[in-house]
Amino acid sequence: MSLFPTAWYRRARAVAAATATAALAVLLGAAPAHAQDSAPPALADGFGLTQVGRPAVRSSTDFTVTVTTARLSGTHRIRILLPSDYAAEPDRRWPVTYFLHGAGGTVDDASAAPALHSDSMITVVPDGGLKGWYENWVMQRTALGAADWQTFHTEQVVPFVDANLRTLADRSHRAVVGLSMGGYGALHYAEARPDLFGHVASLSGGIDFGMAEIRGAVLATELNLTGAWCAVSTSSPAGTGQCTGYGAVVDSDAIFGSPYPVFGADHIWNEVNPAALGNLARLAETDIALYTGDQGPIDHFTALASATVKNRLDQLGVASRLVNYGNGSALSPGCDGGHNYGCWAPALADYVPRLAASFAQAR
């Protein structure tokens, strides 16, 4: 019979091993194993979203999950950026910003704007499709199949994030921010779901469907005409910064129905138009920011659209902030006033601290 009880002997061996491991770590100058967990939090399926494969992990605070949903054909990615202290402060909850990328873009475009990875908030970057336009499409049987983008984002991604991460799950601590196509999506979502989003920012957004040029931008994406309104993406080949296309060609009426103002055929365009007075009135309790340059064939029109939205908000007595940085010289040396991350990155660097301050003041 052993001189020592078996359980005691096993505990003693475990303590000795742990002590030896700690001593070796000190000798080698290594950090204790628990000092930094390299794995991001595990997320549970739900709200119609099923994860497939393993997350793509850049770090414990920057990872991407891939999901399927009956509301969209195929698989779709959701990139999540956590504050650096997320793991170290397990009792703390955080505000959330949803960043909507532009047409031809991907969730990886968030890397081009470092300000989005803020220590003041969680940032979620959901796939918006090459030409999803953040809308439930009129046609669901195109070459792209099911395309209920608005439902995916507002009724699935938002509650999925709130259920899995330590969020402050109220409109005062939730923002939606987007650029180009995503600039439309941000303003549209803020108007359609003021119960969800208390803060909105649109950068170089296609936010006035009363303009033929902006309707033309949507048609260009449907027909994959990359020479017009093609949004810059960091996923372009060889770092060219050029849009790689909008995917399969679909009917020109696929997203919003007929764009032509004949006998009310364009009624959906008018109903969802972010610049419509009735829609803007829904932003009365929302913090609103608009950013745009005015150079080049795209931001020339986004500047006009942003000015229209600002004027109508003023008419309604709804407070908002418009920053037209013109040729970009006052914004950043790398900004030419055009439709690119050379301007959007510094614009977001200006906006995110303001948003963080608004979050901090919210109750």
Protein backbone atom coordinates (compact mmCIF):
# COMPACT_ATOMS: atom_id res chain seq x y z
CA MET A 1 0.00 0.00 0.00
CA SER A 2 1.22 3.48 -0.81
CA LEU A 3 2.32 5.69 2.05
CA PHE A 4 0.19 8.51 0.61
CA PRO A 5 -3.47 8.53 -0.45
CA THR A 6 -3.83 8.37 -4.25
CA ALA A 7 -5.78 11.65 -4.51
CA TRP A 8 -3.18 13.49 -2.45
CA TYR A 9 -0.40 12.08 -4.62
CA ARG A 10 -2.09 13.23 -7.83
CA ARG A 11 -2.63 16.73 -6.46
CA ALA A 12 0.99 16.94 -5.40
CA ARG A 13 2.17 15.93 -8.87
CA ALA A 14 -0.10 18.55 -10.47
CA VAL A 15 1.20 21.30 -8.19
CA ALA A 16 4.80 20.28 -8.88
CA ALA A 17 4.21 20.31 -12.62
CA ALA A 18 2.53 23.70 -12.52
CA THR A 19 5.36 25.11 -10.41
CA ALA A 20 7.96 23.78 -12.81
CA THR A 21 6.09 25.24 -15.80
CA ALA A 22 5.83 28.65 -14.14
CA ALA A 23 9.53 28.59 -13.22
CA LEU A 24 10.51 27.70 -16.77
CA ALA A 25 8.34 30.55 -18.09
CA VAL A 26 10.13 33.02 -15.81
CA LEU A 27 13.54 31.72 -16.89
CA LEU A 28 12.60 32.07 -20.55
CA GLY A 29 11.02 35.48 -20.07
CA ALA A 30 7.61 34.20 -21.21
CA ALA A 31 4.31 35.70 -20.14
CA PRO A 32 2.03 33.58 -17.92
CA ALA A 33 -0.25 31.44 -20.06
CA HIS A 34 -3.40 33.15 -18.81
CA ALA A 35 -2.17 36.71 -19.48
CA GLN A 36 -3.52 36.84 -23.05
CA ASP A 37 -6.09 34.44 -24.44
CA SER A 38 -5.46 34.23 -28.17
CA ALA A 39 -8.87 32.77 -28.97
CA PRO A 40 -11.85 35.02 -29.65
CA PRO A 41 -15.14 34.30 -27.89
CA ALA A 42 -17.12 31.36 -29.24
CA LEU A 43 -20.48 32.30 -30.74
CA ALA A 44 -23.63 30.20 -30.64
CA ASP A 45 -25.95 29.76 -33.62
CA GLY A 46 -29.34 31.38 -33.48
CA PHE A 47 -31.84 33.81 -35.01
CA GLY A 48 -31.78 31.88 -38.26
CA LEU A 49 -27.98 31.94 -38.57
CA THR A 50 -25.91 28.76 -38.70
CA GLN A 51 -22.12 29.01 -38.58
CA VAL A 52 -20.08 26.94 -41.00
CA GLY A 53 -16.41 26.09 -40.68
CA ARG A 54 -14.09 27.68 -38.19
CA PRO A 55 -13.77 31.44 -37.60
CA ALA A 56 -11.00 33.22 -39.47
CA VAL A 57 -8.95 34.64 -36.62
CA ARG A 58 -6.60 37.56 -37.09
CA SER A 59 -6.39 38.08 -33.34
CA SER A 60 -8.54 37.62 -30.25
CA THR A 61 -10.15 40.98 -31.06
CA ASP A 62 -10.46 40.63 -34.84
CA PHE A 63 -12.20 37.58 -36.24
CA THR A 64 -14.71 36.60 -38.90
CA VAL A 65 -17.45 33.98 -38.77
CA THR A 66 -19.18 32.51 -41.81
CA VAL A 67 -22.91 31.82 -41.68
CA THR A 68 -25.79 30.50 -43.70
CA THR A 69 -29.37 31.71 -43.53
CA ALA A 70 -32.56 30.92 -45.39
CA ARG A 71 -32.86 34.64 -46.15
CA LEU A 72 -29.80 34.64 -48.43
CA SER A 73 -28.32 32.18 -50.89
CA GLY A 74 -24.82 30.93 -50.19
CA THR A 75 -22.52 31.64 -47.26
CA HIS A 76 -21.85 35.06 -45.80
CA ARG A 77 -19.22 36.48 -43.51
CA ILE A 78 -19.55 38.65 -40.41
CA ARG A 79 -16.37 40.34 -39.20
CA ILE A 80 -16.19 41.37 -35.55
CA LEU A 81 -13.75 43.87 -34.03
CA LEU A 82 -13.60 43.88 -30.23
CA PRO A 83 -12.07 46.48 -27.90
CA SER A 84 -8.63 45.46 -26.65
CA ASP A 85 -9.97 45.18 -23.06
CA TYR A 86 -12.97 43.02 -23.98
CA ALA A 87 -11.54 39.83 -22.41
CA ALA A 88 -9.86 41.63 -19.53
CA GLU A 89 -13.12 43.29 -18.39
CA PRO A 90 -15.63 40.43 -18.25
CA ASP A 91 -18.25 42.47 -16.41
CA ARG A 92 -18.27 45.35 -18.87
CA ARG A 93 -20.76 45.83 -21.68
CA TRP A 94 -20.03 47.78 -24.84
CA PRO A 95 -21.85 49.88 -27.44
CA VAL A 96 -21.95 48.47 -30.97
CA THR A 97 -21.37 50.02 -34.38
CA TYR A 98 -22.43 48.25 -37.56
CA PHE A 99 -20.25 49.17 -40.54
CA LEU A 100 -21.78 48.64 -44.00
CA HIS A 101 -19.31 48.35 -46.89
CA GLY A 102 -19.80 49.67 -50.40
CA ALA A 103 -20.79 47.98 -53.66
CA GLY A 104 -18.13 45.63 -54.96
CA GLY A 105 -16.67 45.51 -51.45
CA THR A 106 -16.33 42.92 -48.69
CA VAL A 107 -16.10 42.75 -44.91
CA ASP A 108 -12.32 42.95 -45.26
CA ASP A 109 -12.59 46.57 -46.41
CA ALA A 110 -12.81 47.47 -42.73
CA SER A 111 -9.03 47.03 -42.57
CA ALA A 112 -8.65 50.18 -44.67
CA ALA A 113 -10.13 52.31 -41.86
CA PRO A 114 -8.20 51.61 -38.63
CA ALA A 115 -10.49 53.91 -36.64
CA LEU A 116 -13.21 51.27 -36.90
CA HIS A 117 -11.22 49.03 -34.54
CA SER A 118 -11.91 51.19 -31.51
CA ASP A 119 -11.33 50.49 -27.84
CA SER A 120 -14.58 52.32 -27.11
CA MET A 121 -16.97 49.98 -28.92
CA ILE A 122 -17.58 46.69 -30.65
CA THR A 123 -17.65 47.02 -34.44
CA VAL A 124 -19.55 44.50 -36.55
CA VAL A 125 -19.00 44.34 -40.31
CA PRO A 126 -21.62 42.10 -41.97
CA ASP A 127 -21.48 41.02 -45.58
CA GLY A 128 -23.65 43.28 -47.73
CA GLY A 129 -23.12 41.49 -51.02
CA LEU A 130 -21.42 42.91 -54.06
CA LYS A 131 -24.67 44.68 -54.86
CA GLY A 132 -27.07 43.80 -52.06
CA TRP A 133 -28.06 47.45 -51.54
CA TYR A 134 -29.15 46.59 -47.99
CA GLU A 135 -32.65 45.79 -49.16
CA ASN A 136 -35.03 42.85 -49.43
CA TRP A 137 -35.06 42.38 -53.19
CA VAL A 138 -38.24 42.48 -55.21
CA MET A 139 -36.99 39.53 -57.27
CA GLN A 140 -35.91 36.47 -55.30
CA ARG A 141 -35.25 34.15 -58.25
CA THR A 142 -32.39 35.88 -60.01
CA ALA A 143 -29.01 34.27 -60.63
CA LEU A 144 -28.16 35.29 -57.05
CA GLY A 145 -31.13 33.54 -55.45
CA ALA A 146 -32.61 34.59 -52.13
CA ALA A 147 -31.66 38.16 -51.28
CA ASP A 148 -33.33 39.48 -48.13
CA TRP A 149 -30.43 41.65 -47.02
CA GLN A 150 -32.36 43.99 -44.73
CA THR A 151 -33.93 41.08 -42.85
CA PHE A 152 -30.53 39.38 -42.57
CA HIS A 153 -28.96 42.44 -40.99
CA THR A 154 -31.70 43.88 -38.80
CA GLU A 155 -33.56 40.74 -37.71
CA GLN A 156 -30.75 38.20 -37.62
CA VAL A 157 -27.28 39.74 -37.29
CA VAL A 158 -28.22 42.33 -34.66
CA PRO A 159 -29.87 39.90 -32.21
CA PHE A 160 -27.17 37.28 -32.96
CA VAL A 161 -24.51 39.78 -31.88
CA ASP A 162 -26.44 40.88 -28.79
CA ALA A 163 -26.97 37.26 -27.73
CA ASN A 164 -23.31 36.29 -28.13
CA LEU A 165 -21.34 39.36 -27.07
CA ARG A 166 -21.47 41.67 -24.07
CA THR A 167 -23.30 44.52 -25.77
CA LEU A 168 -25.36 47.44 -24.55
CA ALA A 169 -28.41 46.31 -26.46
CA ASP A 170 -30.37 49.53 -26.87
CA ARG A 171 -30.64 52.14 -29.61
CA SER A 172 -28.72 54.73 -27.62
CA HIS A 173 -25.68 52.46 -27.73
CA ARG A 174 -26.08 51.14 -31.27
CA ALA A 175 -24.94 52.88 -34.48
CA VAL A 176 -25.07 52.10 -38.18
CA VAL A 177 -22.36 53.57 -40.40
CA GLY A 178 -21.74 53.01 -44.09
CA LEU A 179 -20.11 54.33 -47.21
CA SER A 180 -21.18 54.50 -50.85
CA MET A 181 -23.83 51.74 -51.22
CA GLY A 182 -23.42 51.25 -47.47
CA GLY A 183 -24.06 54.96 -46.97
CA TYR A 184 -27.50 54.37 -48.46
CA GLY A 185 -27.88 51.27 -46.30
CA ALA A 186 -26.97 53.11 -43.10
CA LEU A 187 -29.44 55.94 -43.59
CA HIS A 188 -32.12 53.55 -44.84
CA TYR A 189 -31.74 51.24 -41.83
CA ALA A 190 -31.77 54.16 -39.39
CA GLU A 191 -35.03 55.36 -40.94
CA ALA A 192 -36.62 51.92 -41.24
CA ARG A 193 -35.59 50.80 -37.73
CA PRO A 194 -35.26 53.82 -35.44
CA ASP A 195 -35.96 51.37 -32.60
CA LEU A 196 -32.60 49.72 -33.30
CA PHE A 197 -30.25 52.56 -34.24
CA GLY A 198 -29.78 55.79 -32.33
CA HIS A 199 -26.76 56.95 -34.35
CA VAL A 200 -26.13 56.99 -38.09
CA ALA A 201 -23.38 58.17 -40.41
CA SER A 202 -23.38 58.08 -44.21
CA LEU A 203 -20.11 58.61 -46.09
CA SER A 204 -20.30 59.41 -49.82
CA GLY A 205 -23.70 57.80 -49.73
CA GLY A 206 -26.17 57.25 -52.55
CA ILE A 207 -28.85 58.75 -50.33
CA ASP A 208 -31.22 60.51 -52.71
CA PHE A 209 -33.18 58.23 -55.00
CA GLY A 210 -34.80 61.31 -56.47
CA MET A 211 -31.59 61.77 -58.47
CA ALA A 212 -31.43 59.91 -61.77
CA GLU A 213 -27.66 59.56 -61.34
CA ILE A 214 -28.07 57.60 -58.13
CA ARG A 215 -30.77 55.38 -59.58
CA GLY A 216 -28.33 54.83 -62.42
CA ALA A 217 -25.74 53.72 -59.89
CA VAL A 218 -28.05 50.95 -58.70
CA LEU A 219 -28.76 49.89 -62.27
CA ALA A 220 -25.02 49.80 -62.97
CA THR A 221 -24.53 47.31 -60.16
CA GLU A 222 -27.45 45.15 -61.31
CA LEU A 223 -26.04 45.01 -64.83
CA ASN A 224 -22.41 44.71 -63.64
CA LEU A 225 -21.29 47.88 -65.41
CA THR A 226 -18.07 48.43 -63.50
CA GLY A 227 -17.19 51.60 -65.37
CA ALA A 228 -19.86 53.55 -63.49
CA TRP A 229 -20.03 54.15 -59.73
CA CYS A 230 -17.78 51.22 -59.00
CA ALA A 231 -16.91 51.41 -55.32
CA VAL A 232 -13.29 51.00 -54.30
CA SER A 233 -12.53 47.84 -52.34
CA THR A 234 -9.41 46.70 -50.54
CA SER A 235 -10.06 43.22 -51.91
CA SER A 236 -9.13 44.33 -55.42
CA PRO A 237 -6.33 42.40 -57.16
CA ALA A 238 -2.71 43.41 -56.66
CA GLY A 239 -3.72 46.32 -54.45
CA THR A 240 -5.09 48.31 -57.40
CA GLY A 241 -7.93 49.74 -55.33
CA GLN A 242 -10.31 49.14 -58.25
CA CYS A 243 -13.67 47.44 -58.00
CA THR A 244 -13.58 43.85 -59.22
CA GLY A 245 -17.21 43.82 -60.32
CA TYR A 246 -20.69 43.28 -58.97
CA GLY A 247 -21.16 39.61 -59.72
CA ALA A 248 -23.80 37.98 -61.90
CA VAL A 249 -26.00 40.20 -64.04
CA VAL A 250 -29.59 40.46 -62.79
CA ASP A 251 -32.72 42.16 -64.07
CA SER A 252 -32.67 45.95 -63.82
CA ASP A 253 -35.85 45.74 -61.72
CA ALA A 254 -34.46 43.06 -59.37
CA ILE A 255 -33.80 45.15 -56.27
CA PHE A 256 -36.26 48.04 -56.11
CA GLY A 257 -38.52 47.27 -59.07
CA SER A 258 -38.85 49.57 -62.05
CA PRO A 259 -36.76 52.75 -61.74
CA TYR A 260 -38.85 54.66 -64.25
CA PRO A 261 -41.33 57.27 -62.96
CA VAL A 262 -44.19 56.22 -65.22
CA PHE A 263 -47.65 55.65 -63.73
CA GLY A 264 -46.13 55.03 -60.29
CA ALA A 265 -43.95 52.14 -61.47
CA ASP A 266 -41.10 53.43 -59.31
CA HIS A 267 -43.12 53.46 -56.08
CA ILE A 268 -40.63 51.28 -54.16
CA TRP A 269 -37.77 53.64 -54.99
CA ASN A 270 -39.87 56.49 -53.61
CA GLU A 271 -40.92 54.56 -50.51
CA VAL A 272 -37.35 53.72 -49.46
CA ASN A 273 -35.74 56.98 -50.64
CA PRO A 274 -33.63 58.16 -47.67
CA ALA A 275 -34.06 61.78 -48.78
CA ALA A 276 -37.88 61.64 -48.65
CA LEU A 277 -39.26 64.00 -46.01
CA GLY A 278 -41.40 61.29 -44.43
CA ASN A 279 -38.41 59.00 -43.98
CA LEU A 280 -36.15 61.77 -42.69
CA ALA A 281 -38.77 62.71 -40.11
CA ARG A 282 -38.23 59.28 -38.52
CA LEU A 283 -34.72 60.43 -37.53
CA ALA A 284 -35.96 63.08 -35.10
CA GLU A 285 -34.34 61.29 -32.13
CA THR A 286 -31.24 60.07 -33.98
CA ASP A 287 -27.70 61.47 -34.07
CA ILE A 288 -26.94 62.05 -37.76
CA ALA A 289 -23.64 62.66 -39.53
CA LEU A 290 -23.02 63.01 -43.27
CA TYR A 291 -19.57 63.07 -44.89
CA THR A 292 -18.69 63.56 -48.55
CA GLY A 293 -16.15 65.03 -50.90
CA ASP A 294 -17.20 66.75 -54.10
CA GLN A 295 -14.55 65.63 -56.59
CA GLY A 296 -14.77 63.13 -59.41
CA PRO A 297 -17.74 61.58 -61.19
CA ILE A 298 -19.13 59.94 -58.06
CA ASP A 299 -18.68 62.29 -55.12
CA HIS A 300 -19.87 65.18 -57.27
CA PHE A 301 -23.29 63.53 -56.98
CA THR A 302 -22.96 62.29 -53.40
CA ALA A 303 -22.24 65.90 -52.41
CA LEU A 304 -25.49 67.00 -54.07
CA ALA A 305 -27.41 64.17 -52.40
CA SER A 306 -25.91 64.93 -48.98
CA ALA A 307 -26.74 68.63 -49.33
CA THR A 308 -30.35 67.77 -50.18
CA VAL A 309 -30.65 65.53 -47.14
CA LYS A 310 -29.08 68.15 -44.89
CA ASN A 311 -31.41 70.89 -46.19
CA ARG A 312 -34.47 68.74 -45.66
CA LEU A 313 -33.40 67.78 -42.16
CA ASP A 314 -32.98 71.48 -41.41
CA GLN A 315 -36.44 72.08 -42.83
CA LEU A 316 -37.83 69.46 -40.44
CA GLY A 317 -35.89 70.90 -37.50
CA VAL A 318 -33.88 67.68 -37.12
CA ALA A 319 -30.31 68.27 -36.00
CA SER A 320 -27.54 66.83 -38.16
CA ARG A 321 -23.90 67.38 -39.07
CA LEU A 322 -22.69 67.60 -42.68
CA VAL A 323 -18.98 67.58 -43.49
CA ASN A 324 -18.31 68.32 -47.15
CA TYR A 325 -14.52 68.09 -47.28
CA GLY A 326 -14.42 69.28 -50.89
CA ASN A 327 -11.12 68.36 -52.51
CA GLY A 328 -9.98 66.71 -49.27
CA SER A 329 -7.03 69.01 -48.56
CA ALA A 330 -8.42 70.06 -45.19
CA LEU A 331 -9.31 66.50 -44.22
CA SER A 332 -6.11 64.60 -44.95
CA PRO A 333 -3.05 64.82 -47.23
CA GLY A 334 -4.09 61.46 -48.68
CA CYS A 335 -7.61 62.56 -49.58
CA ASP A 336 -8.38 63.87 -53.05
CA GLY A 337 -12.08 64.48 -52.39
CA GLY A 338 -13.02 61.37 -54.35
CA HIS A 339 -14.71 58.02 -53.77
CA ASN A 340 -11.97 56.10 -51.96
CA TYR A 341 -10.54 55.05 -48.60
CA GLY A 342 -7.95 57.80 -48.83
CA CYS A 343 -10.87 60.01 -47.80
CA TRP A 344 -13.12 57.59 -45.96
CA ALA A 345 -10.43 56.45 -43.52
CA PRO A 346 -9.72 59.98 -42.19
CA ALA A 347 -13.44 60.78 -42.26
CA LEU A 348 -14.05 57.78 -40.01
CA ALA A 349 -11.09 58.84 -37.86
CA ASP A 350 -12.96 62.12 -37.34
CA TYR A 351 -16.33 60.47 -36.76
CA VAL A 352 -15.55 57.51 -34.48
CA PRO A 353 -14.29 59.58 -31.49
CA ARG A 354 -17.40 61.75 -31.79
CA LEU A 355 -19.54 58.65 -31.82
CA ALA A 356 -17.70 57.26 -28.79
CA ALA A 357 -18.41 60.49 -26.92
CA SER A 358 -22.10 60.24 -27.82
CA PHE A 359 -22.18 56.65 -26.62
CA ALA A 360 -20.55 57.69 -23.35
CA GLN A 361 -23.20 60.36 -22.77
CA ALA A 362 -26.12 58.06 -23.59
CA ARG A 363 -28.23 56.60 -20.83
